[in-house]
């Protein structure tokens, strides 16, 4: 399982990047981001699947990068996801790791499947992952008021799993 936290995933505000102008907006935003993050040792900034990714390395100034990102109005939220394959067992293990890293007593999985050929519905995946996490922990599945949300984004060749988001 190739789980690492060497990237920042950025979700832009929908109203900032809608429709046919979205690719142009994203390219302009990346240029702005490059200028703002200059000198903070990130490897690259790229866009894929209507998301922005900042690749980090061991010299990246994470605290200052976070401060800069929190000041940008175009960002809905950003996070430091774990990356897993899109195999169900890998997603379960990464979800467990994310849940165990939190002190929450209750949780709910929140799944977004961007890869339309993925063989499971988000409803089935929510049930399977919820059942797995209940079995593996002493935590409670709570869809109304969970203490933490395990976000799972299924992309074509990988999955992004996280439970902490930063909003400006």
C-alpha atoms as a PDB file:
ATOM      1  CA  UNK A   1       0.000   0.000   0.000  1.00  0.00           C
ATOM      2  CA  UNK A   2       1.542   3.295  -1.045  1.00  0.00           C
ATOM      3  CA  UNK A   3       0.228   5.664   1.586  1.00  0.00           C
ATOM      4  CA  UNK A   4       2.025   8.924   2.035  1.00  0.00           C
ATOM      5  CA  UNK A   5       1.224  12.504   2.834  1.00  0.00           C
ATOM      6  CA  UNK A   6       3.476  14.147   0.310  1.00  0.00           C
ATOM      7  CA  UNK A   7       0.718  16.118  -1.345  1.00  0.00           C
ATOM      8  CA  UNK A   8      -1.811  18.782  -0.587  1.00  0.00           C
ATOM      9  CA  UNK A   9      -5.198  18.396  -2.243  1.00  0.00           C
ATOM     10  CA  UNK A  10      -7.046  21.634  -2.943  1.00  0.00           C
ATOM     11  CA  UNK A  11     -10.754  21.880  -3.662  1.00  0.00           C
ATOM     12  CA  UNK A  12     -11.696  25.212  -5.184  1.00  0.00           C
ATOM     13  CA  UNK A  13     -14.959  26.976  -4.456  1.00  0.00           C
ATOM     14  CA  UNK A  14     -17.541  25.987  -7.052  1.00  0.00           C
ATOM     15  CA  UNK A  15     -18.660  29.525  -7.740  1.00  0.00           C
ATOM     16  CA  UNK A  16     -15.040  30.479  -8.440  1.00  0.00           C
ATOM     17  CA  UNK A  17     -14.513  27.777 -11.053  1.00  0.00           C
ATOM     18  CA  UNK A  18     -17.634  26.815 -12.957  1.00  0.00           C
ATOM     19  CA  UNK A  19     -18.364  25.672 -16.473  1.00  0.00           C
ATOM     20  CA  UNK A  20     -16.343  26.256 -19.615  1.00  0.00           C
ATOM     21  CA  UNK A  21     -14.031  28.752 -17.893  1.00  0.00           C
ATOM     22  CA  UNK A  22     -12.914  26.270 -15.241  1.00  0.00           C
ATOM     23  CA  UNK A  23      -9.688  25.111 -17.008  1.00  0.00           C
ATOM     24  CA  UNK A  24      -8.665  28.741 -17.576  1.00  0.00           C
ATOM     25  CA  UNK A  25      -9.487  29.645 -13.968  1.00  0.00           C
ATOM     26  CA  UNK A  26      -7.492  26.638 -12.698  1.00  0.00           C
ATOM     27  CA  UNK A  27      -4.447  27.525 -14.846  1.00  0.00           C
ATOM     28  CA  UNK A  28      -4.558  31.150 -13.607  1.00  0.00           C
ATOM     29  CA  UNK A  29      -4.980  29.964 -10.024  1.00  0.00           C
ATOM     30  CA  UNK A  30      -1.932  27.676 -10.367  1.00  0.00           C
ATOM     31  CA  UNK A  31       0.153  30.620 -11.628  1.00  0.00           C
ATOM     32  CA  UNK A  32      -0.998  32.704  -8.649  1.00  0.00           C
ATOM     33  CA  UNK A  33      -0.265  29.809  -6.288  1.00  0.00           C
ATOM     34  CA  UNK A  34       3.236  29.331  -7.749  1.00  0.00           C
ATOM     35  CA  UNK A  35       4.030  32.976  -7.067  1.00  0.00           C
ATOM     36  CA  UNK A  36       2.581  32.864  -3.532  1.00  0.00           C
ATOM     37  CA  UNK A  37       4.425  29.651  -2.597  1.00  0.00           C
ATOM     38  CA  UNK A  38       7.778  30.685  -4.106  1.00  0.00           C
ATOM     39  CA  UNK A  39      10.618  29.846  -1.743  1.00  0.00           C
ATOM     40  CA  UNK A  40       8.573  27.408   0.392  1.00  0.00           C
ATOM     41  CA  UNK A  41      10.083  24.312  -1.263  1.00  0.00           C
ATOM     42  CA  UNK A  42       7.174  22.606  -2.960  1.00  0.00           C
ATOM     43  CA  UNK A  43       8.047  20.330  -5.877  1.00  0.00           C
ATOM     44  CA  UNK A  44       5.203  21.117  -8.249  1.00  0.00           C
ATOM     45  CA  UNK A  45       1.614  22.241  -8.605  1.00  0.00           C
ATOM     46  CA  UNK A  46      -0.651  20.375 -10.990  1.00  0.00           C
ATOM     47  CA  UNK A  47      -4.289  20.002 -11.810  1.00  0.00           C
ATOM     48  CA  UNK A  48      -6.090  16.760 -12.385  1.00  0.00           C
ATOM     49  CA  UNK A  49      -9.686  15.571 -11.957  1.00  0.00           C
ATOM     50  CA  UNK A  50     -10.831  19.184 -11.325  1.00  0.00           C
ATOM     51  CA  UNK A  51      -8.566  19.351  -8.311  1.00  0.00           C
ATOM     52  CA  UNK A  52      -5.284  21.095  -7.613  1.00  0.00           C
ATOM     53  CA  UNK A  53      -2.391  19.101  -6.165  1.00  0.00           C
ATOM     54  CA  UNK A  54       0.743  20.519  -4.559  1.00  0.00           C
ATOM     55  CA  UNK A  55       3.566  17.994  -4.471  1.00  0.00           C
ATOM     56  CA  UNK A  56       5.739  18.352  -1.380  1.00  0.00           C
ATOM     57  CA  UNK A  57       9.152  17.093  -0.356  1.00  0.00           C
ATOM     58  CA  UNK A  58      11.074  16.765   2.904  1.00  0.00           C
ATOM     59  CA  UNK A  59      12.201  20.423   2.717  1.00  0.00           C
ATOM     60  CA  UNK A  60       8.705  21.855   2.184  1.00  0.00           C
ATOM     61  CA  UNK A  61       7.756  24.603   4.644  1.00  0.00           C
ATOM     62  CA  UNK A  62       4.380  23.056   5.548  1.00  0.00           C
ATOM     63  CA  UNK A  63       3.360  25.633   8.179  1.00  0.00           C
ATOM     64  CA  UNK A  64       3.953  28.601   5.888  1.00  0.00           C
ATOM     65  CA  UNK A  65       2.314  26.833   2.950  1.00  0.00           C
ATOM     66  CA  UNK A  66      -0.770  26.236   5.162  1.00  0.00           C
ATOM     67  CA  UNK A  67      -0.839  29.930   6.178  1.00  0.00           C
ATOM     68  CA  UNK A  68      -0.643  31.051   2.553  1.00  0.00           C
ATOM     69  CA  UNK A  69      -3.395  28.634   1.459  1.00  0.00           C
ATOM     70  CA  UNK A  70      -5.688  29.723   4.302  1.00  0.00           C
ATOM     71  CA  UNK A  71      -5.499  33.293   3.011  1.00  0.00           C
ATOM     72  CA  UNK A  72      -6.809  32.450  -0.484  1.00  0.00           C
ATOM     73  CA  UNK A  73     -10.501  33.119  -1.128  1.00  0.00           C
ATOM     74  CA  UNK A  74     -10.685  30.798  -4.147  1.00  0.00           C
ATOM     75  CA  UNK A  75     -10.097  27.724  -1.976  1.00  0.00           C
ATOM     76  CA  UNK A  76     -13.069  25.879  -0.498  1.00  0.00           C
ATOM     77  CA  UNK A  77     -10.753  23.632   1.515  1.00  0.00           C
ATOM     78  CA  UNK A  78      -7.444  21.785   1.383  1.00  0.00           C
ATOM     79  CA  UNK A  79      -6.085  18.685   3.069  1.00  0.00           C
ATOM     80  CA  UNK A  80      -3.166  16.274   3.306  1.00  0.00           C
ATOM     81  CA  UNK A  81      -4.668  13.022   2.007  1.00  0.00           C
ATOM     82  CA  UNK A  82      -3.344   9.515   2.252  1.00  0.00           C
ATOM     83  CA  UNK A  83      -3.070   7.979  -1.189  1.00  0.00           C
ATOM     84  CA  UNK A  84      -4.163   4.397  -1.747  1.00  0.00           C
ATOM     85  CA  UNK A  85      -4.964   2.374  -4.815  1.00  0.00           C
ATOM     86  CA  UNK A  86      -8.614   2.068  -5.793  1.00  0.00           C
ATOM     87  CA  UNK A  87      -8.759  -1.529  -4.581  1.00  0.00           C
ATOM     88  CA  UNK A  88     -11.400  -1.912  -1.899  1.00  0.00           C
ATOM     89  CA  UNK A  89      -9.012  -3.524   0.643  1.00  0.00           C
ATOM     90  CA  UNK A  90      -6.499  -0.674   0.244  1.00  0.00           C
ATOM     91  CA  UNK A  91      -9.253   1.903   0.700  1.00  0.00           C
ATOM     92  CA  UNK A  92     -10.425   0.125   3.869  1.00  0.00           C
ATOM     93  CA  UNK A  93      -6.881   0.040   5.318  1.00  0.00           C
ATOM     94  CA  UNK A  94      -6.278   3.719   4.561  1.00  0.00           C
ATOM     95  CA  UNK A  95      -9.689   4.609   6.045  1.00  0.00           C
ATOM     96  CA  UNK A  96      -8.799   2.665   9.194  1.00  0.00           C
ATOM     97  CA  UNK A  97      -5.464   4.470   9.438  1.00  0.00           C
ATOM     98  CA  UNK A  98      -7.212   7.842   9.060  1.00  0.00           C
ATOM     99  CA  UNK A  99      -9.831   6.983  11.681  1.00  0.00           C
ATOM    100  CA  UNK A 100      -7.278   5.648  14.174  1.00  0.00           C
ATOM    101  CA  UNK A 101      -5.254   8.861  13.806  1.00  0.00           C
ATOM    102  CA  UNK A 102      -8.241  10.826  15.120  1.00  0.00           C
ATOM    103  CA  UNK A 103      -9.463  10.918  18.699  1.00  0.00           C
ATOM    104  CA  UNK A 104     -13.075  10.798  17.539  1.00  0.00           C
ATOM    105  CA  UNK A 105     -15.446   8.306  19.109  1.00  0.00           C
ATOM    106  CA  UNK A 106     -17.860   8.441  16.171  1.00  0.00           C
ATOM    107  CA  UNK A 107     -17.417   8.715  12.420  1.00  0.00           C
ATOM    108  CA  UNK A 108     -19.074   8.520   9.074  1.00  0.00           C
ATOM    109  CA  UNK A 109     -17.538   7.748   5.691  1.00  0.00           C
ATOM    110  CA  UNK A 110     -18.249  10.346   2.987  1.00  0.00           C
ATOM    111  CA  UNK A 111     -17.502   8.997  -0.463  1.00  0.00           C
ATOM    112  CA  UNK A 112     -17.144  10.750  -3.792  1.00  0.00           C
ATOM    113  CA  UNK A 113     -16.571   8.568  -6.836  1.00  0.00           C
ATOM    114  CA  UNK A 114     -15.120  10.620  -9.685  1.00  0.00           C
ATOM    115  CA  UNK A 115     -14.103   7.524 -11.656  1.00  0.00           C
ATOM    116  CA  UNK A 116     -17.393   6.486 -13.235  1.00  0.00           C
ATOM    117  CA  UNK A 117     -16.200   2.958 -14.142  1.00  0.00           C
ATOM    118  CA  UNK A 118     -15.566   2.159 -10.461  1.00  0.00           C
ATOM    119  CA  UNK A 119     -17.376  -1.152  -9.801  1.00  0.00           C
ATOM    120  CA  UNK A 120     -19.200  -0.107  -6.598  1.00  0.00           C
ATOM    121  CA  UNK A 121     -21.783   2.556  -5.803  1.00  0.00           C
ATOM    122  CA  UNK A 122     -20.967   5.086  -3.101  1.00  0.00           C
ATOM    123  CA  UNK A 123     -23.870   3.621  -1.074  1.00  0.00           C
ATOM    124  CA  UNK A 124     -22.358   0.103  -1.144  1.00  0.00           C
ATOM    125  CA  UNK A 125     -18.858   1.423  -0.455  1.00  0.00           C
ATOM    126  CA  UNK A 126     -20.145   3.501   2.490  1.00  0.00           C
ATOM    127  CA  UNK A 127     -21.740   0.384   3.974  1.00  0.00           C
ATOM    128  CA  UNK A 128     -18.683  -1.848   3.381  1.00  0.00           C
ATOM    129  CA  UNK A 129     -16.225   0.683   4.833  1.00  0.00           C
ATOM    130  CA  UNK A 130     -18.524   1.541   7.748  1.00  0.00           C
ATOM    131  CA  UNK A 131     -18.907  -2.165   8.616  1.00  0.00           C
ATOM    132  CA  UNK A 132     -15.142  -2.703   8.326  1.00  0.00           C
ATOM    133  CA  UNK A 133     -14.303   0.261  10.586  1.00  0.00           C
ATOM    134  CA  UNK A 134     -16.866  -0.787  13.205  1.00  0.00           C
ATOM    135  CA  UNK A 135     -15.356  -4.286  13.242  1.00  0.00           C
ATOM    136  CA  UNK A 136     -11.769  -3.007  13.515  1.00  0.00           C
ATOM    137  CA  UNK A 137     -12.297  -0.257  16.129  1.00  0.00           C
ATOM    138  CA  UNK A 138     -14.397   0.623  19.149  1.00  0.00           C
ATOM    139  CA  UNK A 139     -15.795   3.659  17.318  1.00  0.00           C
ATOM    140  CA  UNK A 140     -19.436   4.274  16.421  1.00  0.00           C
ATOM    141  CA  UNK A 141     -20.864   4.860  12.967  1.00  0.00           C
ATOM    142  CA  UNK A 142     -22.971   8.039  13.206  1.00  0.00           C
ATOM    143  CA  UNK A 143     -24.517   9.595  10.101  1.00  0.00           C
ATOM    144  CA  UNK A 144     -26.204  12.468  11.980  1.00  0.00           C
ATOM    145  CA  UNK A 145     -23.524  14.058  14.191  1.00  0.00           C
ATOM    146  CA  UNK A 146     -20.207  12.231  13.709  1.00  0.00           C
ATOM    147  CA  UNK A 147     -17.151  13.563  15.524  1.00  0.00           C
ATOM    148  CA  UNK A 148     -15.131  13.002  12.353  1.00  0.00           C
ATOM    149  CA  UNK A 149     -15.807  12.381   8.706  1.00  0.00           C
ATOM    150  CA  UNK A 150     -13.607  10.018   6.729  1.00  0.00           C
ATOM    151  CA  UNK A 151     -13.520  11.566   3.260  1.00  0.00           C
ATOM    152  CA  UNK A 152     -12.814   9.095   0.465  1.00  0.00           C
ATOM    153  CA  UNK A 153     -12.374  10.256  -3.110  1.00  0.00           C
ATOM    154  CA  UNK A 154     -12.158   7.538  -5.736  1.00  0.00           C
ATOM    155  CA  UNK A 155     -10.166   8.627  -8.792  1.00  0.00           C
ATOM    156  CA  UNK A 156      -9.225   6.585 -11.837  1.00  0.00           C
ATOM    157  CA  UNK A 157      -5.916   5.168 -10.589  1.00  0.00           C
ATOM    158  CA  UNK A 158      -5.956   5.994  -6.906  1.00  0.00           C
ATOM    159  CA  UNK A 159      -8.030   6.990  -3.899  1.00  0.00           C
ATOM    160  CA  UNK A 160      -7.559   9.935  -1.580  1.00  0.00           C
ATOM    161  CA  UNK A 161      -8.471   9.428   2.078  1.00  0.00           C
ATOM    162  CA  UNK A 162      -8.478  12.158   4.722  1.00  0.00           C
ATOM    163  CA  UNK A 163     -10.367  13.333   7.789  1.00  0.00           C
ATOM    164  CA  UNK A 164      -8.913  16.770   8.468  1.00  0.00           C
ATOM    165  CA  UNK A 165      -9.749  19.684   6.205  1.00  0.00           C
ATOM    166  CA  UNK A 166      -8.524  23.264   6.376  1.00  0.00           C
ATOM    167  CA  UNK A 167     -10.930  26.049   5.363  1.00  0.00           C
ATOM    168  CA  UNK A 168     -10.152  29.728   5.041  1.00  0.00           C
END
